[in-house]
Amino acid sequence: MHRTQILLEDEQYELLKKESVRTGKSIGELVRSAVDKQYSDADRRERLRQAFRDAAGAADLEDFDGLSGEEYVAKIRRQWTERVDRMWEQ
């Protein structure tokens, strides 16, 4: 583990103090957790995967091949999610 010093805005420090009291975690633990969440590769991949899922089939389209717009979007989302899942399994 490495020791470092950082400067925080007053509001940031107050937020961390309140969260520390609420959770019982030290300010250092909270900062390390925030760094892991923001910069870890695994978390970044999961956020990207979720963004793909959220974006899949987002268009509000009219009937296509006899499907209503809602059915079409559901079909595209399902296919896109499967494609993204396969991509991440490789």
PDB file of N, CA and C in Angstrom:
ATOM      1  N   MET A   1       0.848  -1.172   0.000  1.00  0.00           N
ATOM      2  CA  MET A   1       0.000   0.000   0.000  1.00  0.00           C
ATOM      3  C   MET A   1       0.895   1.238   0.000  1.00  0.00           C
ATOM      4  N   HIS A   2       0.447   2.276  -0.652  1.00  0.00           N
ATOM      5  CA  HIS A   2       1.204   3.524  -0.730  1.00  0.00           C
ATOM      6  C   HIS A   2       0.449   4.632  -0.012  1.00  0.00           C
ATOM      7  N   ARG A   3       1.189   5.486   0.599  1.00  0.00           N
ATOM      8  CA  ARG A   3       0.599   6.638   1.267  1.00  0.00           C
ATOM      9  C   ARG A   3       0.704   7.831   0.319  1.00  0.00           C
ATOM     10  N   THR A   4      -0.377   8.599   0.243  1.00  0.00           N
ATOM     11  CA  THR A   4      -0.374   9.780  -0.612  1.00  0.00           C
ATOM     12  C   THR A   4      -1.188  10.875   0.041  1.00  0.00           C
ATOM     13  N   GLN A   5      -0.973  12.079  -0.397  1.00  0.00           N
ATOM     14  CA  GLN A   5      -1.756  13.210   0.088  1.00  0.00           C
ATOM     15  C   GLN A   5      -2.509  13.810  -1.088  1.00  0.00           C
ATOM     16  N   ILE A   6      -3.757  14.200  -0.819  1.00  0.00           N
ATOM     17  CA  ILE A   6      -4.557  14.858  -1.844  1.00  0.00           C
ATOM     18  C   ILE A   6      -5.236  16.076  -1.232  1.00  0.00           C
ATOM     19  N   LEU A   7      -5.553  17.024  -2.080  1.00  0.00           N
ATOM     20  CA  LEU A   7      -6.310  18.183  -1.643  1.00  0.00           C
ATOM     21  C   LEU A   7      -7.741  18.018  -2.113  1.00  0.00           C
ATOM     22  N   LEU A   8      -8.679  18.188  -1.199  1.00  0.00           N
ATOM     23  CA  LEU A   8     -10.099  18.085  -1.518  1.00  0.00           C
ATOM     24  C   LEU A   8     -10.764  19.428  -1.304  1.00  0.00           C
ATOM     25  N   GLU A   9     -11.778  19.689  -2.099  1.00  0.00           N
ATOM     26  CA  GLU A   9     -12.613  20.853  -1.860  1.00  0.00           C
ATOM     27  C   GLU A   9     -13.356  20.627  -0.546  1.00  0.00           C
ATOM     28  N   ASP A  10     -13.755  21.699   0.115  1.00  0.00           N
ATOM     29  CA  ASP A  10     -14.465  21.573   1.389  1.00  0.00           C
ATOM     30  C   ASP A  10     -15.690  20.675   1.253  1.00  0.00           C
ATOM     31  N   GLU A  11     -16.447  20.848   0.172  1.00  0.00           N
ATOM     32  CA  GLU A  11     -17.656  20.070  -0.034  1.00  0.00           C
ATOM     33  C   GLU A  11     -17.344  18.579  -0.198  1.00  0.00           C
ATOM     34  N   GLN A  12     -16.258  18.285  -0.901  1.00  0.00           N
ATOM     35  CA  GLN A  12     -15.868  16.889  -1.085  1.00  0.00           C
ATOM     36  C   GLN A  12     -15.508  16.250   0.258  1.00  0.00           C
ATOM     37  N   TYR A  13     -14.741  16.980   1.054  1.00  0.00           N
ATOM     38  CA  TYR A  13     -14.335  16.457   2.355  1.00  0.00           C
ATOM     39  C   TYR A  13     -15.546  16.239   3.258  1.00  0.00           C
ATOM     40  N   GLU A  14     -16.483  17.170   3.254  1.00  0.00           N
ATOM     41  CA  GLU A  14     -17.693  17.032   4.074  1.00  0.00           C
ATOM     42  C   GLU A  14     -18.515  15.821   3.634  1.00  0.00           C
ATOM     43  N   LEU A  15     -18.620  15.626   2.328  1.00  0.00           N
ATOM     44  CA  LEU A  15     -19.337  14.446   1.820  1.00  0.00           C
ATOM     45  C   LEU A  15     -18.675  13.157   2.305  1.00  0.00           C
ATOM     46  N   LEU A  16     -17.364  13.117   2.224  1.00  0.00           N
ATOM     47  CA  LEU A  16     -16.637  11.933   2.672  1.00  0.00           C
ATOM     48  C   LEU A  16     -16.799  11.711   4.170  1.00  0.00           C
ATOM     49  N   LYS A  17     -16.754  12.772   4.951  1.00  0.00           N
ATOM     50  CA  LYS A  17     -16.934  12.642   6.401  1.00  0.00           C
ATOM     51  C   LYS A  17     -18.317  12.085   6.725  1.00  0.00           C
ATOM     52  N   LYS A  18     -19.348  12.619   6.082  1.00  0.00           N
ATOM     53  CA  LYS A  18     -20.716  12.140   6.322  1.00  0.00           C
ATOM     54  C   LYS A  18     -20.862  10.682   5.922  1.00  0.00           C
ATOM     55  N   GLU A  19     -20.299  10.330   4.774  1.00  0.00           N
ATOM     56  CA  GLU A  19     -20.386   8.943   4.316  1.00  0.00           C
ATOM     57  C   GLU A  19     -19.611   8.015   5.238  1.00  0.00           C
ATOM     58  N   SER A  20     -18.498   8.488   5.764  1.00  0.00           N
ATOM     59  CA  SER A  20     -17.703   7.714   6.699  1.00  0.00           C
ATOM     60  C   SER A  20     -18.504   7.404   7.965  1.00  0.00           C
ATOM     61  N   VAL A  21     -19.191   8.404   8.479  1.00  0.00           N
ATOM     62  CA  VAL A  21     -20.026   8.197   9.667  1.00  0.00           C
ATOM     63  C   VAL A  21     -21.170   7.239   9.342  1.00  0.00           C
ATOM     64  N   ARG A  22     -21.799   7.448   8.184  1.00  0.00           N
ATOM     65  CA  ARG A  22     -22.944   6.624   7.806  1.00  0.00           C
ATOM     66  C   ARG A  22     -22.570   5.160   7.620  1.00  0.00           C
ATOM     67  N   THR A  23     -21.436   4.902   6.983  1.00  0.00           N
ATOM     68  CA  THR A  23     -21.053   3.533   6.640  1.00  0.00           C
ATOM     69  C   THR A  23     -20.111   2.882   7.639  1.00  0.00           C
ATOM     70  N   GLY A  24     -19.458   3.698   8.459  1.00  0.00           N
ATOM     71  CA  GLY A  24     -18.467   3.153   9.374  1.00  0.00           C
ATOM     72  C   GLY A  24     -17.130   2.869   8.702  1.00  0.00           C
ATOM     73  N   LYS A  25     -16.985   3.297   7.447  1.00  0.00           N
ATOM     74  CA  LYS A  25     -15.725   3.108   6.723  1.00  0.00           C
ATOM     75  C   LYS A  25     -14.869   4.357   6.874  1.00  0.00           C
ATOM     76  N   SER A  26     -13.562   4.161   6.824  1.00  0.00           N
ATOM     77  CA  SER A  26     -12.667   5.313   6.900  1.00  0.00           C
ATOM     78  C   SER A  26     -12.725   6.109   5.601  1.00  0.00           C
ATOM     79  N   ILE A  27     -12.289   7.346   5.670  1.00  0.00           N
ATOM     80  CA  ILE A  27     -12.222   8.170   4.468  1.00  0.00           C
ATOM     81  C   ILE A  27     -11.285   7.520   3.448  1.00  0.00           C
ATOM     82  N   GLY A  28     -10.188   6.955   3.926  1.00  0.00           N
ATOM     83  CA  GLY A  28      -9.262   6.258   3.031  1.00  0.00           C
ATOM     84  C   GLY A  28      -9.938   5.107   2.292  1.00  0.00           C
ATOM     85  N   GLU A  29     -10.748   4.316   3.020  1.00  0.00           N
ATOM     86  CA  GLU A  29     -11.473   3.219   2.375  1.00  0.00           C
ATOM     87  C   GLU A  29     -12.428   3.737   1.307  1.00  0.00           C
ATOM     88  N   LEU A  30     -13.107   4.830   1.623  1.00  0.00           N
ATOM     89  CA  LEU A  30     -14.046   5.405   0.659  1.00  0.00           C
ATOM     90  C   LEU A  30     -13.329   5.890  -0.595  1.00  0.00           C
ATOM     91  N   VAL A  31     -12.186   6.527  -0.413  1.00  0.00           N
ATOM     92  CA  VAL A  31     -11.416   7.025  -1.559  1.00  0.00           C
ATOM     93  C   VAL A  31     -10.910   5.856  -2.396  1.00  0.00           C
ATOM     94  N   ARG A  32     -10.372   4.814  -1.734  1.00  0.00           N
ATOM     95  CA  ARG A  32      -9.877   3.641  -2.480  1.00  0.00           C
ATOM     96  C   ARG A  32     -11.009   2.978  -3.259  1.00  0.00           C
ATOM     97  N   SER A  33     -12.166   2.871  -2.636  1.00  0.00           N
ATOM     98  CA  SER A  33     -13.318   2.279  -3.304  1.00  0.00           C
ATOM     99  C   SER A  33     -13.730   3.100  -4.531  1.00  0.00           C
ATOM    100  N   ALA A  34     -13.719   4.428  -4.386  1.00  0.00           N
ATOM    101  CA  ALA A  34     -14.077   5.301  -5.513  1.00  0.00           C
ATOM    102  C   ALA A  34     -13.064   5.156  -6.652  1.00  0.00           C
ATOM    103  N   VAL A  35     -11.788   5.051  -6.315  1.00  0.00           N
ATOM    104  CA  VAL A  35     -10.749   4.874  -7.337  1.00  0.00           C
ATOM    105  C   VAL A  35     -10.952   3.543  -8.053  1.00  0.00           C
ATOM    106  N   ASP A  36     -11.211   2.480  -7.284  1.00  0.00           N
ATOM    107  CA  ASP A  36     -11.456   1.170  -7.902  1.00  0.00           C
ATOM    108  C   ASP A  36     -12.650   1.233  -8.838  1.00  0.00           C
ATOM    109  N   LYS A  37     -13.726   1.841  -8.371  1.00  0.00           N
ATOM    110  CA  LYS A  37     -14.937   1.905  -9.188  1.00  0.00           C
ATOM    111  C   LYS A  37     -14.704   2.701 -10.467  1.00  0.00           C
ATOM    112  N   GLN A  38     -13.992   3.792 -10.371  1.00  0.00           N
ATOM    113  CA  GLN A  38     -13.783   4.659 -11.533  1.00  0.00           C
ATOM    114  C   GLN A  38     -12.750   4.107 -12.507  1.00  0.00           C
ATOM    115  N   TYR A  39     -11.711   3.473 -11.995  1.00  0.00           N
ATOM    116  CA  TYR A  39     -10.573   3.155 -12.859  1.00  0.00           C
ATOM    117  C   TYR A  39     -10.259   1.674 -13.043  1.00  0.00           C
ATOM    118  N   SER A  40     -10.923   0.772 -12.324  1.00  0.00           N
ATOM    119  CA  SER A  40     -10.572  -0.637 -12.502  1.00  0.00           C
ATOM    120  C   SER A  40     -11.077  -1.127 -13.853  1.00  0.00           C
ATOM    121  N   ASP A  41     -10.300  -1.974 -14.501  1.00  0.00           N
ATOM    122  CA  ASP A  41     -10.655  -2.490 -15.820  1.00  0.00           C
ATOM    123  C   ASP A  41     -11.930  -3.321 -15.775  1.00  0.00           C
ATOM    124  N   ALA A  42     -12.078  -4.159 -14.756  1.00  0.00           N
ATOM    125  CA  ALA A  42     -13.257  -5.023 -14.670  1.00  0.00           C
ATOM    126  C   ALA A  42     -14.516  -4.179 -14.560  1.00  0.00           C
ATOM    127  N   ASP A  43     -14.479  -3.161 -13.727  1.00  0.00           N
ATOM    128  CA  ASP A  43     -15.655  -2.315 -13.563  1.00  0.00           C
ATOM    129  C   ASP A  43     -15.930  -1.517 -14.830  1.00  0.00           C
ATOM    130  N   ARG A  44     -14.882  -1.055 -15.461  1.00  0.00           N
ATOM    131  CA  ARG A  44     -15.039  -0.304 -16.707  1.00  0.00           C
ATOM    132  C   ARG A  44     -15.681  -1.186 -17.779  1.00  0.00           C
ATOM    133  N   ARG A  45     -15.256  -2.447 -17.860  1.00  0.00           N
ATOM    134  CA  ARG A  45     -15.854  -3.370 -18.831  1.00  0.00           C
ATOM    135  C   ARG A  45     -17.332  -3.590 -18.526  1.00  0.00           C
ATOM    136  N   GLU A  46     -17.681  -3.744 -17.250  1.00  0.00           N
ATOM    137  CA  GLU A  46     -19.077  -3.954 -16.891  1.00  0.00           C
ATOM    138  C   GLU A  46     -19.917  -2.724 -17.217  1.00  0.00           C
ATOM    139  N   ARG A  47     -19.389  -1.536 -16.965  1.00  0.00           N
ATOM    140  CA  ARG A  47     -20.127  -0.314 -17.305  1.00  0.00           C
ATOM    141  C   ARG A  47     -20.313  -0.205 -18.812  1.00  0.00           C
ATOM    142  N   LEU A  48     -19.291  -0.578 -19.576  1.00  0.00           N
ATOM    143  CA  LEU A  48     -19.398  -0.555 -21.032  1.00  0.00           C
ATOM    144  C   LEU A  48     -20.435  -1.562 -21.506  1.00  0.00           C
ATOM    145  N   ARG A  49     -20.385  -2.762 -20.943  1.00  0.00           N
ATOM    146  CA  ARG A  49     -21.361  -3.790 -21.294  1.00  0.00           C
ATOM    147  C   ARG A  49     -22.776  -3.300 -21.004  1.00  0.00           C
ATOM    148  N   GLN A  50     -22.985  -2.676 -19.849  1.00  0.00           N
ATOM    149  CA  GLN A  50     -24.310  -2.168 -19.505  1.00  0.00           C
ATOM    150  C   GLN A  50     -24.724  -1.042 -20.448  1.00  0.00           C
ATOM    151  N   ALA A  51     -23.787  -0.205 -20.836  1.00  0.00           N
ATOM    152  CA  ALA A  51     -24.106   0.873 -21.772  1.00  0.00           C
ATOM    153  C   ALA A  51     -24.553   0.311 -23.114  1.00  0.00           C
ATOM    154  N   PHE A  52     -23.894  -0.748 -23.594  1.00  0.00           N
ATOM    155  CA  PHE A  52     -24.318  -1.397 -24.825  1.00  0.00           C
ATOM    156  C   PHE A  52     -25.732  -1.944 -24.684  1.00  0.00           C
ATOM    157  N   ARG A  53     -25.983  -2.608 -23.550  1.00  0.00           N
ATOM    158  CA  ARG A  53     -27.322  -3.161 -23.320  1.00  0.00           C
ATOM    159  C   ARG A  53     -28.371  -2.057 -23.280  1.00  0.00           C
ATOM    160  N   ASP A  54     -28.058  -0.962 -22.602  1.00  0.00           N
ATOM    161  CA  ASP A  54     -29.008   0.140 -22.489  1.00  0.00           C
ATOM    162  C   ASP A  54     -29.298   0.784 -23.838  1.00  0.00           C
ATOM    163  N   ALA A  55     -28.264   0.840 -24.700  1.00  0.00           N
ATOM    164  CA  ALA A  55     -28.416   1.500 -25.995  1.00  0.00           C
ATOM    165  C   ALA A  55     -29.068   0.608 -27.041  1.00  0.00           C
ATOM    166  N   ALA A  56     -29.024  -0.686 -26.825  1.00  0.00           N
ATOM    167  CA  ALA A  56     -29.525  -1.625 -27.833  1.00  0.00           C
ATOM    168  C   ALA A  56     -31.010  -1.411 -28.089  1.00  0.00           C
ATOM    169  N   GLY A  57     -31.336  -1.183 -29.331  1.00  0.00           N
ATOM    170  CA  GLY A  57     -32.726  -1.050 -29.715  1.00  0.00           C
ATOM    171  C   GLY A  57     -33.420   0.161 -29.147  1.00  0.00           C
ATOM    172  N   ALA A  58     -32.695   1.210 -28.878  1.00  0.00           N
ATOM    173  CA  ALA A  58     -33.287   2.379 -28.250  1.00  0.00           C
ATOM    174  C   ALA A  58     -34.190   3.169 -29.189  1.00  0.00           C
ATOM    175  N   ALA A  59     -34.075   2.945 -30.467  1.00  0.00           N
ATOM    176  CA  ALA A  59     -34.887   3.696 -31.430  1.00  0.00           C
ATOM    177  C   ALA A  59     -36.346   3.286 -31.335  1.00  0.00           C
ATOM    178  N   ASP A  60     -37.231   4.254 -31.462  1.00  0.00           N
ATOM    179  CA  ASP A  60     -38.665   4.003 -31.479  1.00  0.00           C
ATOM    180  C   ASP A  60     -39.089   3.869 -32.942  1.00  0.00           C
ATOM    181  N   LEU A  61     -39.152   2.646 -33.421  1.00  0.00           N
ATOM    182  CA  LEU A  61     -39.390   2.411 -34.844  1.00  0.00           C
ATOM    183  C   LEU A  61     -40.823   1.975 -35.091  1.00  0.00           C
ATOM    184  N   GLU A  62     -41.281   2.232 -36.301  1.00  0.00           N
ATOM    185  CA  GLU A  62     -42.615   1.804 -36.709  1.00  0.00           C
ATOM    186  C   GLU A  62     -42.579   0.310 -37.010  1.00  0.00           C
ATOM    187  N   ASP A  63     -43.723  -0.254 -37.390  1.00  0.00           N
ATOM    188  CA  ASP A  63     -43.801  -1.684 -37.695  1.00  0.00           C
ATOM    189  C   ASP A  63     -42.735  -2.080 -38.707  1.00  0.00           C
ATOM    190  N   PHE A  64     -42.160  -3.261 -38.493  1.00  0.00           N
ATOM    191  CA  PHE A  64     -41.141  -3.781 -39.401  1.00  0.00           C
ATOM    192  C   PHE A  64     -41.358  -5.278 -39.491  1.00  0.00           C
ATOM    193  N   ASP A  65     -41.525  -5.803 -40.693  1.00  0.00           N
ATOM    194  CA  ASP A  65     -41.807  -7.233 -40.900  1.00  0.00           C
ATOM    195  C   ASP A  65     -43.002  -7.672 -40.072  1.00  0.00           C
ATOM    196  N   GLY A  66     -44.011  -6.854 -40.006  1.00  0.00           N
ATOM    197  CA  GLY A  66     -45.215  -7.231 -39.280  1.00  0.00           C
ATOM    198  C   GLY A  66     -45.130  -7.066 -37.777  1.00  0.00           C
ATOM    199  N   LEU A  67     -43.983  -6.625 -37.271  1.00  0.00           N
ATOM    200  CA  LEU A  67     -43.836  -6.423 -35.834  1.00  0.00           C
ATOM    201  C   LEU A  67     -44.217  -4.991 -35.481  1.00  0.00           C
ATOM    202  N   SER A  68     -44.795  -4.846 -34.312  1.00  0.00           N
ATOM    203  CA  SER A  68     -45.042  -3.486 -33.840  1.00  0.00           C
ATOM    204  C   SER A  68     -43.694  -2.886 -33.438  1.00  0.00           C
ATOM    205  N   GLY A  69     -43.650  -1.597 -33.258  1.00  0.00           N
ATOM    206  CA  GLY A  69     -42.409  -0.949 -32.844  1.00  0.00           C
ATOM    207  C   GLY A  69     -41.866  -1.539 -31.558  1.00  0.00           C
ATOM    208  N   GLU A  70     -42.768  -1.818 -30.600  1.00  0.00           N
ATOM    209  CA  GLU A  70     -42.351  -2.378 -29.310  1.00  0.00           C
ATOM    210  C   GLU A  70     -41.760  -3.779 -29.479  1.00  0.00           C
ATOM    211  N   GLU A  71     -42.418  -4.615 -30.301  1.00  0.00           N
ATOM    212  CA  GLU A  71     -41.910  -5.969 -30.538  1.00  0.00           C
ATOM    213  C   GLU A  71     -40.557  -5.937 -31.246  1.00  0.00           C
ATOM    214  N   TYR A  72     -40.433  -5.018 -32.213  1.00  0.00           N
ATOM    215  CA  TYR A  72     -39.181  -4.890 -32.952  1.00  0.00           C
ATOM    216  C   TYR A  72     -38.043  -4.489 -32.014  1.00  0.00           C
ATOM    217  N   VAL A  73     -38.297  -3.506 -31.164  1.00  0.00           N
ATOM    218  CA  VAL A  73     -37.272  -3.044 -30.220  1.00  0.00           C
ATOM    219  C   VAL A  73     -36.885  -4.175 -29.274  1.00  0.00           C
ATOM    220  N   ALA A  74     -37.868  -4.911 -28.768  1.00  0.00           N
ATOM    221  CA  ALA A  74     -37.572  -6.028 -27.866  1.00  0.00           C
ATOM    222  C   ALA A  74     -36.697  -7.071 -28.562  1.00  0.00           C
ATOM    223  N   LYS A  75     -37.011  -7.362 -29.818  1.00  0.00           N
ATOM    224  CA  LYS A  75     -36.230  -8.341 -30.587  1.00  0.00           C
ATOM    225  C   LYS A  75     -34.798  -7.853 -30.790  1.00  0.00           C
ATOM    226  N   ILE A  76     -34.642  -6.606 -31.190  1.00  0.00           N
ATOM    227  CA  ILE A  76     -33.302  -6.049 -31.415  1.00  0.00           C
ATOM    228  C   ILE A  76     -32.516  -6.027 -30.115  1.00  0.00           C
ATOM    229  N   ARG A  77     -33.137  -5.629 -29.016  1.00  0.00           N
ATOM    230  CA  ARG A  77     -32.439  -5.609 -27.721  1.00  0.00           C
ATOM    231  C   ARG A  77     -31.954  -7.000 -27.343  1.00  0.00           C
ATOM    232  N   ARG A  78     -32.808  -7.986 -27.511  1.00  0.00           N
ATOM    233  CA  ARG A  78     -32.444  -9.361 -27.177  1.00  0.00           C
ATOM    234  C   ARG A  78     -31.244  -9.813 -28.007  1.00  0.00           C
ATOM    235  N   GLN A  79     -31.318  -9.574 -29.318  1.00  0.00           N
ATOM    236  CA  GLN A  79     -30.216  -9.984 -30.197  1.00  0.00           C
ATOM    237  C   GLN A  79     -28.931  -9.235 -29.870  1.00  0.00           C
ATOM    238  N   TRP A  80     -29.042  -7.941 -29.602  1.00  0.00           N
ATOM    239  CA  TRP A  80     -27.857  -7.139 -29.305  1.00  0.00           C
ATOM    240  C   TRP A  80     -27.229  -7.586 -27.990  1.00  0.00           C
ATOM    241  N   THR A  81     -28.053  -7.853 -26.978  1.00  0.00           N
ATOM    242  CA  THR A  81     -27.538  -8.306 -25.687  1.00  0.00           C
ATOM    243  C   THR A  81     -26.791  -9.625 -25.850  1.00  0.00           C
ATOM    244  N   GLU A  82     -27.359 -10.550 -26.626  1.00  0.00           N
ATOM    245  CA  GLU A  82     -26.683 -11.824 -26.867  1.00  0.00           C
ATOM    246  C   GLU A  82     -25.345 -11.607 -27.576  1.00  0.00           C
ATOM    247  N   ARG A  83     -25.333 -10.714 -28.560  1.00  0.00           N
ATOM    248  CA  ARG A  83     -24.101 -10.404 -29.291  1.00  0.00           C
ATOM    249  C   ARG A  83     -23.038  -9.819 -28.366  1.00  0.00           C
ATOM    250  N   VAL A  84     -23.453  -8.873 -27.524  1.00  0.00           N
ATOM    251  CA  VAL A  84     -22.510  -8.241 -26.587  1.00  0.00           C
ATOM    252  C   VAL A  84     -21.992  -9.266 -25.598  1.00  0.00           C
ATOM    253  N   ASP A  85     -22.872 -10.117 -25.074  1.00  0.00           N
ATOM    254  CA  ASP A  85     -22.430 -11.150 -24.127  1.00  0.00           C
ATOM    255  C   ASP A  85     -21.411 -12.091 -24.762  1.00  0.00           C
ATOM    256  N   ARG A  86     -21.668 -12.490 -26.013  1.00  0.00           N
ATOM    257  CA  ARG A  86     -20.699 -13.350 -26.711  1.00  0.00           C
ATOM    258  C   ARG A  86     -19.365 -12.643 -26.892  1.00  0.00           C
ATOM    259  N   MET A  87     -19.430 -11.363 -27.227  1.00  0.00           N
ATOM    260  CA  MET A  87     -18.208 -10.594 -27.438  1.00  0.00           C
ATOM    261  C   MET A  87     -17.361 -10.556 -26.168  1.00  0.00           C
ATOM    262  N   TRP A  88     -18.002 -10.388 -25.008  1.00  0.00           N
ATOM    263  CA  TRP A  88     -17.264 -10.284 -23.757  1.00  0.00           C
ATOM    264  C   TRP A  88     -16.781 -11.637 -23.252  1.00  0.00           C
ATOM    265  N   GLU A  89     -17.379 -12.734 -23.716  1.00  0.00           N
ATOM    266  CA  GLU A  89     -16.941 -14.062 -23.312  1.00  0.00           C
ATOM    267  C   GLU A  89     -15.652 -14.462 -24.011  1.00  0.00           C
ATOM    268  N   GLN A  90     -15.350 -13.837 -25.118  1.00  0.00           N
ATOM    269  CA  GLN A  90     -14.146 -14.206 -25.879  1.00  0.00           C
ATOM    270  C   GLN A  90     -12.889 -13.733 -25.206  1.00  0.00           C
TER     271      GLN A  90
END
